[in-house]
Amino acid sequence: TSRQASNASFLLNGEERSASTNHFTIGKIFDIQLKGISPEDQPTHIGLKTDVESLTDNISHLIGSYNEFIKAASEYSVSQNRSRQLVQEMNSIASLYGESLEATGINMQEDGTLAINELQLRHSARRSENINETFGYLKNFATNLLRKSDQVSLKPMDYVDKTIVAYK
């Protein structure tokens, strides 16, 4: 299904506006991305999150992505022996940060995934005098995960049980 391209149209405080894409800025403050059409009788409200809410949302997104990756790789561990190696390598990365993760409310599960204790995570964020110091390890954790996923995408055959024959 296709249709003619057009500008995004929306009402902002009752005033009709349009933008060439679904991604735009309001008043050089709010970065907005429209993701669907709202019913006319249900307005959308834009506001700010507290630092704690923003931090916990971002951490939840990181941990959720990690868990999805581990679950997807684990599904192939029965048929692809070497994918088990990938899961172990990812778990090793998480284990390096085990103490820091646990101190802020993120715990390793037996299946290799991570679970978030929302109350402990929020408490850690609220009582922290220096957020960068308390949660700085997460940047290194994310960087190591990204480095490993880049390595996998560059050499995916390292994690698959397939024989490759190259002829000269």
N, C-alpha and C. Protein backbone atom coordinates (compact mmCIF):
# COMPACT_ATOMS: atom_id res chain seq x y z
N THR A 1 0.85 -1.17 0.00
CA THR A 1 0.00 0.00 0.00
C THR A 1 0.89 1.22 0.00
N SER A 2 0.55 2.16 -0.83
CA SER A 2 1.32 3.40 -0.85
C SER A 2 0.38 4.57 -1.06
N ARG A 3 0.87 5.74 -0.73
CA ARG A 3 0.10 6.96 -0.94
C ARG A 3 1.06 8.11 -1.20
N GLN A 4 0.54 9.16 -1.69
CA GLN A 4 1.33 10.34 -2.01
C GLN A 4 1.97 10.90 -0.73
N ALA A 5 3.24 11.25 -0.80
CA ALA A 5 3.93 11.84 0.35
C ALA A 5 3.33 13.20 0.68
N SER A 6 3.28 13.50 1.98
CA SER A 6 2.77 14.81 2.40
C SER A 6 3.43 15.20 3.71
N ASN A 7 3.31 16.47 4.06
CA ASN A 7 3.86 16.96 5.32
C ASN A 7 3.05 16.42 6.49
N ALA A 8 3.70 16.31 7.63
CA ALA A 8 3.00 15.93 8.86
C ALA A 8 2.19 17.12 9.33
N SER A 9 0.92 16.92 9.61
CA SER A 9 0.04 18.00 10.10
C SER A 9 -0.36 17.69 11.52
N PHE A 10 -0.36 18.72 12.37
CA PHE A 10 -0.72 18.53 13.76
C PHE A 10 -1.18 19.85 14.36
N LEU A 11 -1.86 19.75 15.48
CA LEU A 11 -2.29 20.93 16.22
C LEU A 11 -1.36 21.10 17.40
N LEU A 12 -0.89 22.30 17.61
CA LEU A 12 -0.05 22.61 18.76
C LEU A 12 -0.71 23.74 19.51
N ASN A 13 -1.21 23.44 20.69
CA ASN A 13 -1.97 24.41 21.49
C ASN A 13 -3.12 25.00 20.69
N GLY A 14 -3.79 24.17 19.92
CA GLY A 14 -4.95 24.58 19.14
C GLY A 14 -4.62 25.23 17.81
N GLU A 15 -3.34 25.45 17.54
CA GLU A 15 -2.92 26.09 16.29
C GLU A 15 -2.41 25.03 15.32
N GLU A 16 -2.90 25.03 14.08
CA GLU A 16 -2.48 24.03 13.10
C GLU A 16 -1.06 24.31 12.64
N ARG A 17 -0.26 23.25 12.62
CA ARG A 17 1.14 23.33 12.19
C ARG A 17 1.42 22.18 11.24
N SER A 18 2.54 22.26 10.53
CA SER A 18 2.98 21.16 9.68
C SER A 18 4.49 21.12 9.68
N ALA A 19 5.01 19.94 9.35
CA ALA A 19 6.46 19.75 9.27
C ALA A 19 6.72 18.79 8.12
N SER A 20 7.88 18.92 7.50
CA SER A 20 8.20 18.08 6.35
C SER A 20 8.49 16.62 6.74
N THR A 21 8.74 16.38 8.03
CA THR A 21 8.95 15.01 8.52
C THR A 21 8.15 14.82 9.81
N ASN A 22 8.15 13.61 10.31
CA ASN A 22 7.48 13.34 11.59
C ASN A 22 8.39 13.65 12.77
N HIS A 23 9.55 14.21 12.52
CA HIS A 23 10.52 14.53 13.55
C HIS A 23 10.83 16.02 13.46
N PHE A 24 10.56 16.76 14.54
CA PHE A 24 10.76 18.21 14.51
C PHE A 24 11.01 18.72 15.93
N THR A 25 11.35 19.99 16.03
CA THR A 25 11.64 20.63 17.31
C THR A 25 10.62 21.73 17.56
N ILE A 26 10.18 21.82 18.81
CA ILE A 26 9.25 22.89 19.20
C ILE A 26 9.99 23.84 20.12
N GLY A 27 10.06 25.10 19.71
CA GLY A 27 10.67 26.14 20.53
C GLY A 27 12.12 25.88 20.89
N LYS A 28 12.84 25.15 20.09
CA LYS A 28 14.24 24.80 20.32
C LYS A 28 14.46 24.11 21.67
N ILE A 29 13.37 23.54 22.21
CA ILE A 29 13.45 22.87 23.51
C ILE A 29 13.06 21.41 23.41
N PHE A 30 11.90 21.15 22.78
CA PHE A 30 11.37 19.79 22.71
C PHE A 30 11.65 19.17 21.37
N ASP A 31 12.29 18.01 21.39
CA ASP A 31 12.54 17.23 20.19
C ASP A 31 11.41 16.22 20.10
N ILE A 32 10.57 16.34 19.10
CA ILE A 32 9.35 15.55 18.98
C ILE A 32 9.43 14.62 17.78
N GLN A 33 8.94 13.39 17.97
CA GLN A 33 8.79 12.46 16.86
C GLN A 33 7.37 11.91 16.92
N LEU A 34 6.59 12.17 15.87
CA LEU A 34 5.23 11.66 15.78
C LEU A 34 5.29 10.22 15.33
N LYS A 35 4.58 9.35 16.05
CA LYS A 35 4.64 7.92 15.73
C LYS A 35 3.31 7.36 15.30
N GLY A 36 2.28 8.17 15.27
CA GLY A 36 0.98 7.67 14.86
C GLY A 36 -0.03 8.80 14.89
N ILE A 37 -1.27 8.44 14.56
CA ILE A 37 -2.34 9.41 14.54
C ILE A 37 -3.14 9.27 15.83
N SER A 38 -3.31 10.39 16.54
CA SER A 38 -4.09 10.38 17.78
C SER A 38 -5.56 10.59 17.45
N PRO A 39 -6.44 9.94 18.19
CA PRO A 39 -7.87 10.24 18.02
C PRO A 39 -8.13 11.71 18.34
N GLU A 40 -9.06 12.32 17.63
CA GLU A 40 -9.30 13.76 17.79
C GLU A 40 -9.71 14.15 19.20
N ASP A 41 -10.39 13.26 19.91
CA ASP A 41 -10.85 13.60 21.25
C ASP A 41 -9.84 13.27 22.35
N GLN A 42 -8.64 12.82 21.97
CA GLN A 42 -7.61 12.48 22.95
C GLN A 42 -6.32 13.23 22.63
N PRO A 43 -6.12 14.39 23.22
CA PRO A 43 -4.89 15.16 22.95
C PRO A 43 -3.67 14.48 23.56
N THR A 44 -2.53 14.76 22.97
CA THR A 44 -1.25 14.26 23.48
C THR A 44 -0.59 15.39 24.23
N HIS A 45 -0.07 15.07 25.41
CA HIS A 45 0.59 16.08 26.23
C HIS A 45 2.09 15.84 26.20
N ILE A 46 2.84 16.91 26.09
CA ILE A 46 4.29 16.84 26.06
C ILE A 46 4.82 17.47 27.34
N GLY A 47 5.75 16.81 27.98
CA GLY A 47 6.31 17.33 29.21
C GLY A 47 7.72 16.80 29.42
N LEU A 48 8.24 17.06 30.56
CA LEU A 48 9.61 16.65 30.90
C LEU A 48 9.57 15.55 31.95
N LYS A 49 10.52 14.67 31.86
CA LYS A 49 10.70 13.66 32.87
C LYS A 49 11.72 14.17 33.89
N THR A 50 11.60 13.68 35.10
CA THR A 50 12.63 14.01 36.08
C THR A 50 13.91 13.28 35.69
N ASP A 51 15.02 13.71 36.25
CA ASP A 51 16.30 13.05 35.96
C ASP A 51 16.25 11.57 36.34
N VAL A 52 15.62 11.27 37.46
CA VAL A 52 15.53 9.87 37.91
C VAL A 52 14.71 9.05 36.93
N GLU A 53 13.58 9.59 36.47
CA GLU A 53 12.75 8.87 35.49
C GLU A 53 13.50 8.65 34.19
N SER A 54 14.16 9.68 33.72
CA SER A 54 14.91 9.57 32.47
C SER A 54 16.03 8.54 32.60
N LEU A 55 16.76 8.59 33.70
CA LEU A 55 17.85 7.65 33.93
C LEU A 55 17.33 6.22 34.00
N THR A 56 16.29 5.99 34.78
CA THR A 56 15.77 4.62 34.91
C THR A 56 15.18 4.12 33.60
N ASP A 57 14.54 5.00 32.82
CA ASP A 57 14.03 4.59 31.51
C ASP A 57 15.16 4.16 30.58
N ASN A 58 16.24 4.93 30.56
CA ASN A 58 17.38 4.61 29.70
C ASN A 58 18.06 3.31 30.15
N ILE A 59 18.18 3.11 31.45
CA ILE A 59 18.78 1.87 31.96
C ILE A 59 17.87 0.69 31.61
N SER A 60 16.57 0.87 31.77
CA SER A 60 15.62 -0.20 31.44
C SER A 60 15.71 -0.56 29.96
N HIS A 61 15.89 0.44 29.12
CA HIS A 61 16.02 0.18 27.68
C HIS A 61 17.30 -0.61 27.39
N LEU A 62 18.41 -0.22 28.01
CA LEU A 62 19.68 -0.93 27.82
C LEU A 62 19.56 -2.39 28.28
N ILE A 63 19.01 -2.59 29.46
CA ILE A 63 18.90 -3.95 30.01
C ILE A 63 17.91 -4.77 29.18
N GLY A 64 16.83 -4.15 28.74
CA GLY A 64 15.86 -4.85 27.89
C GLY A 64 16.48 -5.31 26.59
N SER A 65 17.29 -4.45 25.97
CA SER A 65 17.97 -4.82 24.72
C SER A 65 18.97 -5.94 24.95
N TYR A 66 19.70 -5.85 26.05
CA TYR A 66 20.64 -6.92 26.41
C TYR A 66 19.89 -8.25 26.55
N ASN A 67 18.79 -8.23 27.29
CA ASN A 67 18.01 -9.45 27.52
C ASN A 67 17.45 -10.03 26.22
N GLU A 68 16.97 -9.17 25.32
CA GLU A 68 16.47 -9.64 24.03
C GLU A 68 17.58 -10.33 23.24
N PHE A 69 18.76 -9.74 23.25
CA PHE A 69 19.90 -10.32 22.54
C PHE A 69 20.25 -11.70 23.12
N ILE A 70 20.33 -11.79 24.44
CA ILE A 70 20.67 -13.06 25.11
C ILE A 70 19.62 -14.12 24.79
N LYS A 71 18.35 -13.75 24.86
CA LYS A 71 17.28 -14.72 24.57
C LYS A 71 17.32 -15.18 23.12
N ALA A 72 17.56 -14.25 22.20
CA ALA A 72 17.64 -14.62 20.77
C ALA A 72 18.82 -15.55 20.52
N ALA A 73 19.97 -15.25 21.09
CA ALA A 73 21.14 -16.10 20.90
C ALA A 73 20.95 -17.46 21.58
N SER A 74 20.28 -17.47 22.72
CA SER A 74 20.04 -18.73 23.44
C SER A 74 19.12 -19.67 22.69
N GLU A 75 18.21 -19.13 21.90
CA GLU A 75 17.29 -19.96 21.12
C GLU A 75 18.05 -20.87 20.15
N TYR A 76 19.20 -20.43 19.69
CA TYR A 76 19.98 -21.20 18.73
C TYR A 76 21.03 -22.08 19.39
N SER A 77 21.14 -22.03 20.70
CA SER A 77 22.20 -22.79 21.37
C SER A 77 22.00 -24.30 21.25
N VAL A 78 20.77 -24.75 21.03
CA VAL A 78 20.52 -26.18 20.86
C VAL A 78 20.99 -26.63 19.47
N SER A 79 20.62 -25.87 18.44
CA SER A 79 20.97 -26.27 17.07
C SER A 79 22.35 -25.77 16.65
N GLN A 80 22.80 -24.69 17.23
CA GLN A 80 24.11 -24.12 16.89
C GLN A 80 24.97 -24.07 18.16
N ASN A 81 25.85 -25.03 18.28
CA ASN A 81 26.70 -25.13 19.46
C ASN A 81 27.48 -23.86 19.74
N ARG A 82 27.93 -23.21 18.70
CA ARG A 82 28.81 -22.05 18.89
C ARG A 82 28.06 -20.81 19.33
N SER A 83 26.73 -20.79 19.20
CA SER A 83 25.99 -19.64 19.70
C SER A 83 26.01 -19.64 21.24
N ARG A 84 26.21 -20.80 21.82
CA ARG A 84 26.38 -20.89 23.27
C ARG A 84 27.62 -20.10 23.69
N GLN A 85 28.65 -20.13 22.85
CA GLN A 85 29.87 -19.37 23.09
C GLN A 85 29.57 -17.87 23.14
N LEU A 86 28.72 -17.41 22.23
CA LEU A 86 28.35 -16.00 22.21
C LEU A 86 27.62 -15.61 23.49
N VAL A 87 26.69 -16.44 23.92
CA VAL A 87 25.95 -16.16 25.15
C VAL A 87 26.92 -16.11 26.33
N GLN A 88 27.88 -17.03 26.38
CA GLN A 88 28.86 -17.04 27.46
C GLN A 88 29.74 -15.79 27.44
N GLU A 89 30.11 -15.33 26.24
CA GLU A 89 30.93 -14.13 26.14
C GLU A 89 30.15 -12.89 26.60
N MET A 90 28.86 -12.83 26.24
CA MET A 90 28.04 -11.71 26.69
C MET A 90 27.85 -11.77 28.21
N ASN A 91 27.65 -12.97 28.74
CA ASN A 91 27.52 -13.12 30.19
C ASN A 91 28.80 -12.73 30.90
N SER A 92 29.94 -13.02 30.28
CA SER A 92 31.23 -12.63 30.87
C SER A 92 31.35 -11.12 30.96
N ILE A 93 30.87 -10.43 29.93
CA ILE A 93 30.90 -8.96 29.96
C ILE A 93 30.04 -8.46 31.11
N ALA A 94 28.84 -9.02 31.25
CA ALA A 94 27.95 -8.60 32.34
C ALA A 94 28.56 -8.93 33.70
N SER A 95 29.24 -10.07 33.78
CA SER A 95 29.85 -10.48 35.06
C SER A 95 30.95 -9.52 35.49
N LEU A 96 31.66 -8.93 34.53
CA LEU A 96 32.70 -7.95 34.88
C LEU A 96 32.13 -6.79 35.68
N TYR A 97 30.87 -6.47 35.42
CA TYR A 97 30.23 -5.34 36.08
C TYR A 97 29.23 -5.81 37.14
N GLY A 98 29.32 -7.08 37.54
CA GLY A 98 28.36 -7.69 38.45
C GLY A 98 28.14 -6.92 39.74
N GLU A 99 29.22 -6.55 40.42
CA GLU A 99 29.09 -5.84 41.70
C GLU A 99 28.43 -4.48 41.51
N SER A 100 28.85 -3.75 40.50
CA SER A 100 28.27 -2.43 40.25
C SER A 100 26.81 -2.55 39.85
N LEU A 101 26.50 -3.55 39.02
CA LEU A 101 25.12 -3.77 38.61
C LEU A 101 24.25 -4.07 39.83
N GLU A 102 24.71 -4.99 40.68
CA GLU A 102 23.93 -5.37 41.86
C GLU A 102 23.76 -4.20 42.82
N ALA A 103 24.78 -3.38 42.97
CA ALA A 103 24.72 -2.25 43.90
C ALA A 103 23.65 -1.24 43.49
N THR A 104 23.34 -1.20 42.20
CA THR A 104 22.34 -0.24 41.73
C THR A 104 21.00 -0.89 41.40
N GLY A 105 20.85 -2.19 41.71
CA GLY A 105 19.55 -2.84 41.54
C GLY A 105 19.38 -3.67 40.29
N ILE A 106 20.48 -4.06 39.66
CA ILE A 106 20.41 -4.89 38.45
C ILE A 106 21.10 -6.21 38.77
N ASN A 107 20.37 -7.32 38.65
CA ASN A 107 20.89 -8.61 39.07
C ASN A 107 20.95 -9.60 37.92
N MET A 108 22.03 -10.41 37.90
CA MET A 108 22.18 -11.48 36.92
C MET A 108 21.24 -12.62 37.28
N GLN A 109 20.57 -13.16 36.27
CA GLN A 109 19.70 -14.30 36.44
C GLN A 109 20.43 -15.55 35.99
N GLU A 110 19.93 -16.72 36.36
CA GLU A 110 20.58 -17.97 35.99
C GLU A 110 20.63 -18.19 34.48
N ASP A 111 19.63 -17.65 33.76
CA ASP A 111 19.59 -17.84 32.31
C ASP A 111 20.47 -16.84 31.55
N GLY A 112 21.21 -16.00 32.29
CA GLY A 112 22.12 -15.04 31.66
C GLY A 112 21.51 -13.67 31.43
N THR A 113 20.21 -13.53 31.65
CA THR A 113 19.57 -12.23 31.49
C THR A 113 19.79 -11.40 32.75
N LEU A 114 19.41 -10.14 32.67
CA LEU A 114 19.53 -9.23 33.80
C LEU A 114 18.13 -8.81 34.24
N ALA A 115 17.92 -8.73 35.55
CA ALA A 115 16.64 -8.29 36.11
C ALA A 115 16.86 -6.99 36.85
N ILE A 116 15.90 -6.09 36.71
CA ILE A 116 16.00 -4.78 37.36
C ILE A 116 15.07 -4.74 38.56
N ASN A 117 15.61 -4.36 39.69
CA ASN A 117 14.82 -4.07 40.87
C ASN A 117 14.54 -2.57 40.81
N GLU A 118 13.36 -2.21 40.32
CA GLU A 118 13.01 -0.80 40.06
C GLU A 118 13.18 0.07 41.32
N LEU A 119 12.73 -0.44 42.46
CA LEU A 119 12.82 0.34 43.70
C LEU A 119 14.27 0.63 44.07
N GLN A 120 15.11 -0.40 43.99
CA GLN A 120 16.52 -0.22 44.34
C GLN A 120 17.21 0.70 43.32
N LEU A 121 16.86 0.56 42.04
CA LEU A 121 17.44 1.41 41.00
C LEU A 121 17.09 2.87 41.24
N ARG A 122 15.82 3.15 41.50
CA ARG A 122 15.39 4.53 41.78
C ARG A 122 16.03 5.05 43.06
N HIS A 123 16.11 4.20 44.06
CA HIS A 123 16.73 4.61 45.33
C HIS A 123 18.21 4.96 45.11
N SER A 124 18.90 4.14 44.32
CA SER A 124 20.32 4.41 44.02
C SER A 124 20.47 5.75 43.30
N ALA A 125 19.55 6.03 42.38
CA ALA A 125 19.62 7.28 41.62
C ALA A 125 19.32 8.49 42.51
N ARG A 126 18.35 8.35 43.39
CA ARG A 126 17.96 9.48 44.26
C ARG A 126 19.01 9.80 45.30
N ARG A 127 19.63 8.78 45.88
CA ARG A 127 20.58 9.02 46.97
C ARG A 127 21.97 9.38 46.45
N SER A 128 22.18 9.21 45.15
CA SER A 128 23.50 9.48 44.58
C SER A 128 23.81 10.97 44.58
N GLU A 129 24.98 11.30 45.08
CA GLU A 129 25.43 12.69 45.03
C GLU A 129 26.04 13.00 43.67
N ASN A 130 26.59 11.99 43.03
CA ASN A 130 27.19 12.15 41.71
C ASN A 130 26.72 11.00 40.82
N ILE A 131 25.73 11.28 39.98
CA ILE A 131 25.13 10.25 39.11
C ILE A 131 26.20 9.62 38.22
N ASN A 132 27.10 10.44 37.68
CA ASN A 132 28.14 9.90 36.79
C ASN A 132 29.03 8.91 37.52
N GLU A 133 29.27 9.16 38.79
CA GLU A 133 30.10 8.25 39.56
C GLU A 133 29.34 6.96 39.89
N THR A 134 28.08 7.11 40.27
CA THR A 134 27.27 5.95 40.66
C THR A 134 26.95 5.06 39.47
N PHE A 135 26.60 5.67 38.33
CA PHE A 135 26.17 4.89 37.16
C PHE A 135 27.16 4.96 36.01
N GLY A 136 28.35 5.46 36.25
CA GLY A 136 29.36 5.57 35.20
C GLY A 136 29.76 4.24 34.60
N TYR A 137 29.69 3.19 35.39
CA TYR A 137 30.04 1.85 34.91
C TYR A 137 29.14 1.44 33.75
N LEU A 138 27.90 1.96 33.70
CA LEU A 138 26.97 1.57 32.64
C LEU A 138 27.47 2.01 31.26
N LYS A 139 28.16 3.13 31.21
CA LYS A 139 28.72 3.57 29.93
C LYS A 139 29.76 2.57 29.44
N ASN A 140 30.61 2.12 30.33
CA ASN A 140 31.62 1.11 29.96
C ASN A 140 30.97 -0.22 29.61
N PHE A 141 29.94 -0.59 30.36
CA PHE A 141 29.20 -1.82 30.09
C PHE A 141 28.59 -1.75 28.69
N ALA A 142 27.92 -0.66 28.39
CA ALA A 142 27.29 -0.49 27.07
C ALA A 142 28.34 -0.47 25.96
N THR A 143 29.47 0.17 26.21
CA THR A 143 30.55 0.22 25.21
C THR A 143 31.08 -1.17 24.93
N ASN A 144 31.27 -1.98 25.97
CA ASN A 144 31.75 -3.35 25.78
C ASN A 144 30.73 -4.21 25.04
N LEU A 145 29.45 -4.01 25.35
CA LEU A 145 28.41 -4.75 24.63
C LEU A 145 28.39 -4.36 23.16
N LEU A 146 28.53 -3.08 22.90
CA LEU A 146 28.55 -2.59 21.52
C LEU A 146 29.77 -3.14 20.78
N ARG A 147 30.89 -3.15 21.44
CA ARG A 147 32.12 -3.67 20.83
C ARG A 147 31.94 -5.15 20.46
N LYS A 148 31.33 -5.92 21.37
CA LYS A 148 31.10 -7.35 21.09
C LYS A 148 30.10 -7.52 19.96
N SER A 149 29.04 -6.73 19.92
CA SER A 149 28.06 -6.87 18.83
C SER A 149 28.68 -6.46 17.50
N ASP A 150 29.57 -5.47 17.50
CA ASP A 150 30.29 -5.11 16.28
C ASP A 150 31.17 -6.26 15.81
N GLN A 151 31.84 -6.89 16.77
CA GLN A 151 32.71 -8.03 16.45
C GLN A 151 31.88 -9.17 15.84
N VAL A 152 30.71 -9.42 16.40
CA VAL A 152 29.84 -10.48 15.89
C VAL A 152 29.35 -10.13 14.48
N SER A 153 29.00 -8.88 14.26
CA SER A 153 28.50 -8.50 12.94
C SER A 153 29.60 -8.54 11.88
N LEU A 154 30.85 -8.31 12.29
CA LEU A 154 31.96 -8.37 11.35
C LEU A 154 32.41 -9.81 11.06
N LYS A 155 32.28 -10.68 12.05
CA LYS A 155 32.69 -12.08 11.88
C LYS A 155 31.60 -13.02 12.39
N PRO A 156 30.45 -13.02 11.75
CA PRO A 156 29.34 -13.87 12.24
C PRO A 156 29.63 -15.36 12.16
N MET A 157 30.49 -15.76 11.25
CA MET A 157 30.78 -17.19 11.08
C MET A 157 31.55 -17.77 12.27
N ASP A 158 32.11 -16.90 13.12
CA ASP A 158 32.79 -17.39 14.33
C ASP A 158 31.80 -18.01 15.31
N TYR A 159 30.52 -17.73 15.12
CA TYR A 159 29.51 -18.19 16.06
C TYR A 159 28.50 -19.13 15.42
N VAL A 160 28.87 -19.74 14.28
CA VAL A 160 27.99 -20.66 13.58
C VAL A 160 28.75 -21.93 13.27
N ASP A 161 28.08 -23.06 13.41
CA ASP A 161 28.70 -24.36 13.10
C ASP A 161 28.52 -24.66 11.61
N LYS A 162 29.29 -24.03 10.80
CA LYS A 162 29.24 -24.26 9.35
C LYS A 162 30.67 -24.40 8.86
N THR A 163 30.87 -25.31 7.96
CA THR A 163 32.19 -25.47 7.36
C THR A 163 32.26 -24.56 6.14
N ILE A 164 33.31 -23.78 6.09
CA ILE A 164 33.49 -22.88 4.95
C ILE A 164 34.69 -23.38 4.16
N VAL A 165 34.47 -23.53 2.88
CA VAL A 165 35.53 -23.98 1.98
C VAL A 165 35.85 -22.83 1.04
N ALA A 166 37.10 -22.45 0.99
CA ALA A 166 37.52 -21.39 0.08
C ALA A 166 38.45 -21.98 -0.95
N TYR A 167 38.15 -21.78 -2.20
CA TYR A 167 38.99 -22.27 -3.30
C TYR A 167 39.85 -21.13 -3.80
N LYS A 168 41.08 -21.46 -4.17
CA LYS A 168 41.97 -20.44 -4.72
C LYS A 168 41.64 -20.17 -6.16
